[in-house]
PDB file of N, CA and C in Angstrom:
ATOM      1  N   MET A   1     192.874 143.641 -30.847  1.00  0.00           N
ATOM      2  CA  MET A   1     191.650 144.133 -31.479  1.00  0.00           C
ATOM      3  C   MET A   1     190.573 144.454 -30.438  1.00  0.00           C
ATOM      4  N   ILE A   2     190.505 143.627 -29.403  1.00  0.00           N
ATOM      5  CA  ILE A   2     189.512 143.863 -28.356  1.00  0.00           C
ATOM      6  C   ILE A   2     189.804 145.175 -27.625  1.00  0.00           C
ATOM      7  N   ASP A   3     191.093 145.459 -27.424  1.00  0.00           N
ATOM      8  CA  ASP A   3     191.456 146.706 -26.759  1.00  0.00           C
ATOM      9  C   ASP A   3     190.972 147.924 -27.540  1.00  0.00           C
ATOM     10  N   VAL A   4     190.999 147.835 -28.860  1.00  0.00           N
ATOM     11  CA  VAL A   4     190.541 148.946 -29.701  1.00  0.00           C
ATOM     12  C   VAL A   4     189.082 149.267 -29.399  1.00  0.00           C
ATOM     13  N   LEU A   5     188.265 148.234 -29.199  1.00  0.00           N
ATOM     14  CA  LEU A   5     186.850 148.428 -28.871  1.00  0.00           C
ATOM     15  C   LEU A   5     186.709 149.178 -27.548  1.00  0.00           C
ATOM     16  N   GLY A   6     187.492 148.792 -26.549  1.00  0.00           N
ATOM     17  CA  GLY A   6     187.465 149.476 -25.261  1.00  0.00           C
ATOM     18  C   GLY A   6     187.919 150.922 -25.356  1.00  0.00           C
ATOM     19  N   PHE A   7     188.990 151.161 -26.113  1.00  0.00           N
ATOM     20  CA  PHE A   7     189.476 152.529 -26.299  1.00  0.00           C
ATOM     21  C   PHE A   7     188.478 153.373 -27.080  1.00  0.00           C
ATOM     22  N   PHE A   8     187.826 152.777 -28.083  1.00  0.00           N
ATOM     23  CA  PHE A   8     186.799 153.490 -28.848  1.00  0.00           C
ATOM     24  C   PHE A   8     185.659 153.917 -27.929  1.00  0.00           C
ATOM     25  N   ALA A   9     185.203 152.993 -27.079  1.00  0.00           N
ATOM     26  CA  ALA A   9     184.119 153.303 -26.144  1.00  0.00           C
ATOM     27  C   ALA A   9     184.528 154.429 -25.200  1.00  0.00           C
ATOM     28  N   GLY A  10     185.748 154.348 -24.685  1.00  0.00           N
ATOM     29  CA  GLY A  10     186.249 155.399 -23.804  1.00  0.00           C
ATOM     30  C   GLY A  10     186.352 156.743 -24.504  1.00  0.00           C
ATOM     31  N   ALA A  11     186.792 156.728 -25.758  1.00  0.00           N
ATOM     32  CA  ALA A  11     186.892 157.965 -26.537  1.00  0.00           C
ATOM     33  C   ALA A  11     185.512 158.586 -26.745  1.00  0.00           C
ATOM     34  N   CYS A  12     184.510 157.747 -26.982  1.00  0.00           N
ATOM     35  CA  CYS A  12     183.136 158.257 -27.129  1.00  0.00           C
ATOM     36  C   CYS A  12     182.688 158.959 -25.852  1.00  0.00           C
ATOM     37  N   LEU A  13     183.018 158.381 -24.705  1.00  0.00           N
ATOM     38  CA  LEU A  13     182.663 159.014 -23.428  1.00  0.00           C
ATOM     39  C   LEU A  13     183.358 160.363 -23.277  1.00  0.00           C
ATOM     40  N   ILE A  14     184.645 160.393 -23.586  1.00  0.00           N
ATOM     41  CA  ILE A  14     185.405 161.638 -23.448  1.00  0.00           C
ATOM     42  C   ILE A  14     184.844 162.724 -24.362  1.00  0.00           C
ATOM     43  N   VAL A  15     184.623 162.397 -25.615  1.00  0.00           N
ATOM     44  CA  VAL A  15     184.107 163.384 -26.572  1.00  0.00           C
ATOM     45  C   VAL A  15     182.718 163.859 -26.161  1.00  0.00           C
ATOM     46  N   SER A  16     181.897 162.955 -25.624  1.00  0.00           N
ATOM     47  CA  SER A  16     180.540 163.346 -25.216  1.00  0.00           C
ATOM     48  C   SER A  16     180.564 164.423 -24.132  1.00  0.00           C
ATOM     49  N   MET A  17     181.620 164.439 -23.324  1.00  0.00           N
ATOM     50  CA  MET A  17     181.741 165.453 -22.274  1.00  0.00           C
ATOM     51  C   MET A  17     182.059 166.838 -22.844  1.00  0.00           C
ATOM     52  N   LEU A  18     182.524 166.880 -24.078  1.00  0.00           N
ATOM     53  CA  LEU A  18     182.915 168.151 -24.691  1.00  0.00           C
ATOM     54  C   LEU A  18     181.805 168.791 -25.518  1.00  0.00           C
ATOM     55  N   LEU A  19     180.734 168.057 -25.747  1.00  0.00           N
ATOM     56  CA  LEU A  19     179.654 168.535 -26.609  1.00  0.00           C
ATOM     57  C   LEU A  19     178.599 169.302 -25.821  1.00  0.00           C
ATOM     58  N   ARG A  20     177.920 170.205 -26.499  1.00  0.00           N
ATOM     59  CA  ARG A  20     176.845 170.978 -25.875  1.00  0.00           C
ATOM     60  C   ARG A  20     175.469 170.514 -26.327  1.00  0.00           C
ATOM     61  N   ASN A  21     175.385 169.963 -27.530  1.00  0.00           N
ATOM     62  CA  ASN A  21     174.114 169.499 -28.077  1.00  0.00           C
ATOM     63  C   ASN A  21     173.701 168.206 -27.373  1.00  0.00           C
ATOM     64  N   ILE A  22     172.591 168.227 -26.651  1.00  0.00           N
ATOM     65  CA  ILE A  22     172.178 167.086 -25.836  1.00  0.00           C
ATOM     66  C   ILE A  22     171.905 165.850 -26.684  1.00  0.00           C
ATOM     67  N   TYR A  23     171.386 166.044 -27.881  1.00  0.00           N
ATOM     68  CA  TYR A  23     171.107 164.905 -28.758  1.00  0.00           C
ATOM     69  C   TYR A  23     172.416 164.217 -29.159  1.00  0.00           C
ATOM     70  N   ALA A  24     173.430 165.011 -29.504  1.00  0.00           N
ATOM     71  CA  ALA A  24     174.739 164.451 -29.862  1.00  0.00           C
ATOM     72  C   ALA A  24     175.373 163.749 -28.666  1.00  0.00           C
ATOM     73  N   VAL A  25     175.221 164.331 -27.483  1.00  0.00           N
ATOM     74  CA  VAL A  25     175.743 163.708 -26.266  1.00  0.00           C
ATOM     75  C   VAL A  25     175.098 162.345 -26.051  1.00  0.00           C
ATOM     76  N   LYS A  26     173.772 162.290 -26.166  1.00  0.00           N
ATOM     77  CA  LYS A  26     173.050 161.022 -25.959  1.00  0.00           C
ATOM     78  C   LYS A  26     173.450 159.974 -26.995  1.00  0.00           C
ATOM     79  N   ILE A  27     173.653 160.411 -28.243  1.00  0.00           N
ATOM     80  CA  ILE A  27     174.083 159.465 -29.279  1.00  0.00           C
ATOM     81  C   ILE A  27     175.443 158.876 -28.918  1.00  0.00           C
ATOM     82  N   LEU A  28     176.390 159.740 -28.560  1.00  0.00           N
ATOM     83  CA  LEU A  28     177.727 159.241 -28.231  1.00  0.00           C
ATOM     84  C   LEU A  28     177.721 158.367 -26.986  1.00  0.00           C
ATOM     85  N   LEU A  29     176.949 158.740 -25.979  1.00  0.00           N
ATOM     86  CA  LEU A  29     176.866 157.911 -24.774  1.00  0.00           C
ATOM     87  C   LEU A  29     176.258 156.547 -25.081  1.00  0.00           C
ATOM     88  N   THR A  30     175.281 156.507 -25.966  1.00  0.00           N
ATOM     89  CA  THR A  30     174.665 155.239 -26.351  1.00  0.00           C
ATOM     90  C   THR A  30     175.641 154.390 -27.155  1.00  0.00           C
ATOM     91  N   VAL A  31     176.381 155.013 -28.063  1.00  0.00           N
ATOM     92  CA  VAL A  31     177.402 154.286 -28.831  1.00  0.00           C
ATOM     93  C   VAL A  31     178.471 153.734 -27.887  1.00  0.00           C
ATOM     94  N   ALA A  32     178.870 154.530 -26.902  1.00  0.00           N
ATOM     95  CA  ALA A  32     179.853 154.073 -25.920  1.00  0.00           C
ATOM     96  C   ALA A  32     179.317 152.884 -25.127  1.00  0.00           C
ATOM     97  N   ALA A  33     178.069 152.961 -24.690  1.00  0.00           N
ATOM     98  CA  ALA A  33     177.473 151.862 -23.926  1.00  0.00           C
ATOM     99  C   ALA A  33     177.390 150.588 -24.761  1.00  0.00           C
ATOM    100  N   ILE A  34     177.006 150.724 -26.033  1.00  0.00           N
ATOM    101  CA  ILE A  34     176.940 149.555 -26.920  1.00  0.00           C
ATOM    102  C   ILE A  34     178.339 148.966 -27.111  1.00  0.00           C
ATOM    103  N   SER A  35     179.329 149.827 -27.272  1.00  0.00           N
ATOM    104  CA  SER A  35     180.704 149.360 -27.453  1.00  0.00           C
ATOM    105  C   SER A  35     181.222 148.668 -26.200  1.00  0.00           C
ATOM    106  N   PHE A  36     180.970 149.267 -25.036  1.00  0.00           N
ATOM    107  CA  PHE A  36     181.381 148.632 -23.784  1.00  0.00           C
ATOM    108  C   PHE A  36     180.624 147.321 -23.557  1.00  0.00           C
ATOM    109  N   LEU A  37     179.374 147.264 -23.976  1.00  0.00           N
ATOM    110  CA  LEU A  37     178.595 146.029 -23.872  1.00  0.00           C
ATOM    111  C   LEU A  37     179.243 144.931 -24.711  1.00  0.00           C
ATOM    112  N   ALA A  38     179.595 145.247 -25.945  1.00  0.00           N
ATOM    113  CA  ALA A  38     180.270 144.274 -26.808  1.00  0.00           C
ATOM    114  C   ALA A  38     181.603 143.848 -26.195  1.00  0.00           C
ATOM    115  N   TYR A  39     182.337 144.803 -25.660  1.00  0.00           N
ATOM    116  CA  TYR A  39     183.616 144.545 -24.996  1.00  0.00           C
ATOM    117  C   TYR A  39     183.422 143.574 -23.828  1.00  0.00           C
ATOM    118  N   GLY A  40     182.411 143.842 -23.006  1.00  0.00           N
ATOM    119  CA  GLY A  40     182.123 142.975 -21.866  1.00  0.00           C
ATOM    120  C   GLY A  40     181.702 141.576 -22.283  1.00  0.00           C
ATOM    121  N   ILE A  41     180.914 141.476 -23.341  1.00  0.00           N
ATOM    122  CA  ILE A  41     180.473 140.166 -23.830  1.00  0.00           C
ATOM    123  C   ILE A  41     181.668 139.367 -24.335  1.00  0.00           C
ATOM    124  N   ILE A  42     182.532 140.017 -25.114  1.00  0.00           N
ATOM    125  CA  ILE A  42     183.709 139.328 -25.653  1.00  0.00           C
ATOM    126  C   ILE A  42     184.601 138.805 -24.532  1.00  0.00           C
ATOM    127  N   LEU A  43     184.801 139.628 -23.503  1.00  0.00           N
ATOM    128  CA  LEU A  43     185.679 139.245 -22.396  1.00  0.00           C
ATOM    129  C   LEU A  43     184.949 138.528 -21.262  1.00  0.00           C
ATOM    130  N   LYS A  44     183.638 138.354 -21.410  1.00  0.00           N
ATOM    131  CA  LYS A  44     182.807 137.670 -20.409  1.00  0.00           C
ATOM    132  C   LYS A  44     182.927 138.328 -19.031  1.00  0.00           C
ATOM    133  N   LEU A  45     182.737 139.645 -19.012  1.00  0.00           N
ATOM    134  CA  LEU A  45     182.803 140.433 -17.785  1.00  0.00           C
ATOM    135  C   LEU A  45     181.388 140.828 -17.383  1.00  0.00           C
ATOM    136  N   LEU A  46     180.806 140.068 -16.476  1.00  0.00           N
ATOM    137  CA  LEU A  46     179.401 140.253 -16.115  1.00  0.00           C
ATOM    138  C   LEU A  46     179.059 141.665 -15.638  1.00  0.00           C
ATOM    139  N   PRO A  47     179.854 142.291 -14.758  1.00  0.00           N
ATOM    140  CA  PRO A  47     179.484 143.654 -14.336  1.00  0.00           C
ATOM    141  C   PRO A  47     179.416 144.635 -15.510  1.00  0.00           C
ATOM    142  N   ILE A  48     180.341 144.528 -16.438  1.00  0.00           N
ATOM    143  CA  ILE A  48     180.344 145.405 -17.612  1.00  0.00           C
ATOM    144  C   ILE A  48     179.118 145.129 -18.477  1.00  0.00           C
ATOM    145  N   ILE A  49     178.770 143.858 -18.632  1.00  0.00           N
ATOM    146  CA  ILE A  49     177.605 143.470 -19.434  1.00  0.00           C
ATOM    147  C   ILE A  49     176.321 144.022 -18.827  1.00  0.00           C
ATOM    148  N   VAL A  50     176.145 143.836 -17.532  1.00  0.00           N
ATOM    149  CA  VAL A  50     174.908 144.264 -16.863  1.00  0.00           C
ATOM    150  C   VAL A  50     174.764 145.783 -16.905  1.00  0.00           C
ATOM    151  N   ILE A  51     175.798 146.482 -16.485  1.00  0.00           N
ATOM    152  CA  ILE A  51     175.729 147.942 -16.424  1.00  0.00           C
ATOM    153  C   ILE A  51     175.489 148.541 -17.805  1.00  0.00           C
ATOM    154  N   ASN A  52     176.207 148.060 -18.798  1.00  0.00           N
ATOM    155  CA  ASN A  52     176.077 148.647 -20.129  1.00  0.00           C
ATOM    156  C   ASN A  52     174.831 148.182 -20.860  1.00  0.00           C
ATOM    157  N   SER A  53     174.236 147.077 -20.447  1.00  0.00           N
ATOM    158  CA  SER A  53     172.918 146.699 -20.974  1.00  0.00           C
ATOM    159  C   SER A  53     171.881 147.721 -20.529  1.00  0.00           C
ATOM    160  N   VAL A  54     171.944 148.086 -19.258  1.00  0.00           N
ATOM    161  CA  VAL A  54     171.015 149.089 -18.722  1.00  0.00           C
ATOM    162  C   VAL A  54     171.271 150.452 -19.373  1.00  0.00           C
ATOM    163  N   LEU A  55     172.540 150.824 -19.501  1.00  0.00           N
ATOM    164  CA  LEU A  55     172.868 152.108 -20.127  1.00  0.00           C
ATOM    165  C   LEU A  55     172.447 152.152 -21.595  1.00  0.00           C
ATOM    166  N   THR A  56     172.618 151.044 -22.307  1.00  0.00           N
ATOM    167  CA  THR A  56     172.197 150.987 -23.711  1.00  0.00           C
ATOM    168  C   THR A  56     170.689 151.153 -23.824  1.00  0.00           C
ATOM    169  N   ALA A  57     169.950 150.427 -22.994  1.00  0.00           N
ATOM    170  CA  ALA A  57     168.487 150.522 -23.030  1.00  0.00           C
ATOM    171  C   ALA A  57     168.025 151.936 -22.693  1.00  0.00           C
ATOM    172  N   SER A  58     168.611 152.541 -21.661  1.00  0.00           N
ATOM    173  CA  SER A  58     168.196 153.895 -21.290  1.00  0.00           C
ATOM    174  C   SER A  58     168.611 154.908 -22.354  1.00  0.00           C
ATOM    175  N   GLY A  59     169.748 154.699 -22.989  1.00  0.00           N
ATOM    176  CA  GLY A  59     170.185 155.588 -24.061  1.00  0.00           C
ATOM    177  C   GLY A  59     169.256 155.542 -25.258  1.00  0.00           C
ATOM    178  N   ILE A  60     168.855 154.337 -25.637  1.00  0.00           N
ATOM    179  CA  ILE A  60     167.919 154.185 -26.758  1.00  0.00           C
ATOM    180  C   ILE A  60     166.582 154.829 -26.414  1.00  0.00           C
ATOM    181  N   TYR A  61     166.125 154.620 -25.185  1.00  0.00           N
ATOM    182  CA  TYR A  61     164.868 155.232 -24.738  1.00  0.00           C
ATOM    183  C   TYR A  61     164.955 156.758 -24.807  1.00  0.00           C
ATOM    184  N   GLU A  62     166.048 157.318 -24.297  1.00  0.00           N
ATOM    185  CA  GLU A  62     166.211 158.775 -24.288  1.00  0.00           C
ATOM    186  C   GLU A  62     166.300 159.344 -25.701  1.00  0.00           C
ATOM    187  N   LEU A  63     166.999 158.647 -26.591  1.00  0.00           N
ATOM    188  CA  LEU A  63     167.077 159.110 -27.978  1.00  0.00           C
ATOM    189  C   LEU A  63     165.700 159.095 -28.633  1.00  0.00           C
ATOM    190  N   ALA A  64     164.932 158.051 -28.365  1.00  0.00           N
ATOM    191  CA  ALA A  64     163.570 157.975 -28.916  1.00  0.00           C
ATOM    192  C   ALA A  64     162.707 159.098 -28.347  1.00  0.00           C
ATOM    193  N   ARG A  65     162.839 159.355 -27.054  1.00  0.00           N
ATOM    194  CA  ARG A  65     162.065 160.417 -26.406  1.00  0.00           C
ATOM    195  C   ARG A  65     162.428 161.784 -26.982  1.00  0.00           C
ATOM    196  N   LEU A  66     163.713 162.033 -27.146  1.00  0.00           N
ATOM    197  CA  LEU A  66     164.149 163.316 -27.705  1.00  0.00           C
ATOM    198  C   LEU A  66     163.701 163.472 -29.153  1.00  0.00           C
ATOM    199  N   THR A  67     163.715 162.378 -29.899  1.00  0.00           N
ATOM    200  CA  THR A  67     163.274 162.423 -31.293  1.00  0.00           C
ATOM    201  C   THR A  67     161.784 162.728 -31.369  1.00  0.00           C
ATOM    202  N   ARG A  68     160.984 162.053 -30.535  1.00  0.00           N
ATOM    203  CA  ARG A  68     159.535 162.316 -30.503  1.00  0.00           C
ATOM    204  C   ARG A  68     159.261 163.748 -30.072  1.00  0.00           C
ATOM    205  N   LYS A  69     159.973 164.209 -29.065  1.00  0.00           N
ATOM    206  CA  LYS A  69     159.789 165.572 -28.564  1.00  0.00           C
ATOM    207  C   LYS A  69     160.128 166.585 -29.654  1.00  0.00           C
ATOM    208  N   GLY A  70     161.190 166.329 -30.410  1.00  0.00           N
ATOM    209  CA  GLY A  70     161.587 167.222 -31.498  1.00  0.00           C
ATOM    210  C   GLY A  70     160.567 167.257 -32.611  1.00  0.00           C
ATOM    211  N   LYS A  71     159.979 166.112 -32.933  1.00  0.00           N
ATOM    212  CA  LYS A  71     158.958 166.052 -33.978  1.00  0.00           C
ATOM    213  C   LYS A  71     157.687 166.761 -33.530  1.00  0.00           C
ATOM    214  N   ALA A  72     157.369 166.654 -32.241  1.00  0.00           N
ATOM    215  CA  ALA A  72     156.170 167.306 -31.722  1.00  0.00           C
ATOM    216  C   ALA A  72     156.349 168.827 -31.735  1.00  0.00           C
ATOM    217  N   ALA A  73     157.561 169.286 -31.443  1.00  0.00           N
ATOM    218  CA  ALA A  73     157.822 170.724 -31.407  1.00  0.00           C
ATOM    219  C   ALA A  73     157.931 171.313 -32.810  1.00  0.00           C
ATOM    220  N   GLY A  74     158.389 170.491 -33.764  1.00  0.00           N
ATOM    221  CA  GLY A  74     158.614 171.013 -35.120  1.00  0.00           C
ATOM    222  C   GLY A  74     157.421 170.826 -35.939  1.00  0.00           C
TER     223      GLY A  74
END
């Protein structure tokens, strides 16, 4: 079951490389980071936890920024 989480996160990364819409890319990258973070926590892998904590935080920040920017433009 844990492997499924890792494969899901990897699939999100792969699919994000195929998209052109930056908002969709950021969503998938953030979902991947959250999934890898959960994977790292379950397996107690500190490097995975640290890196994906930072990626999750930056992904959430970027999504919020893009959302605010979109509301300001619309």
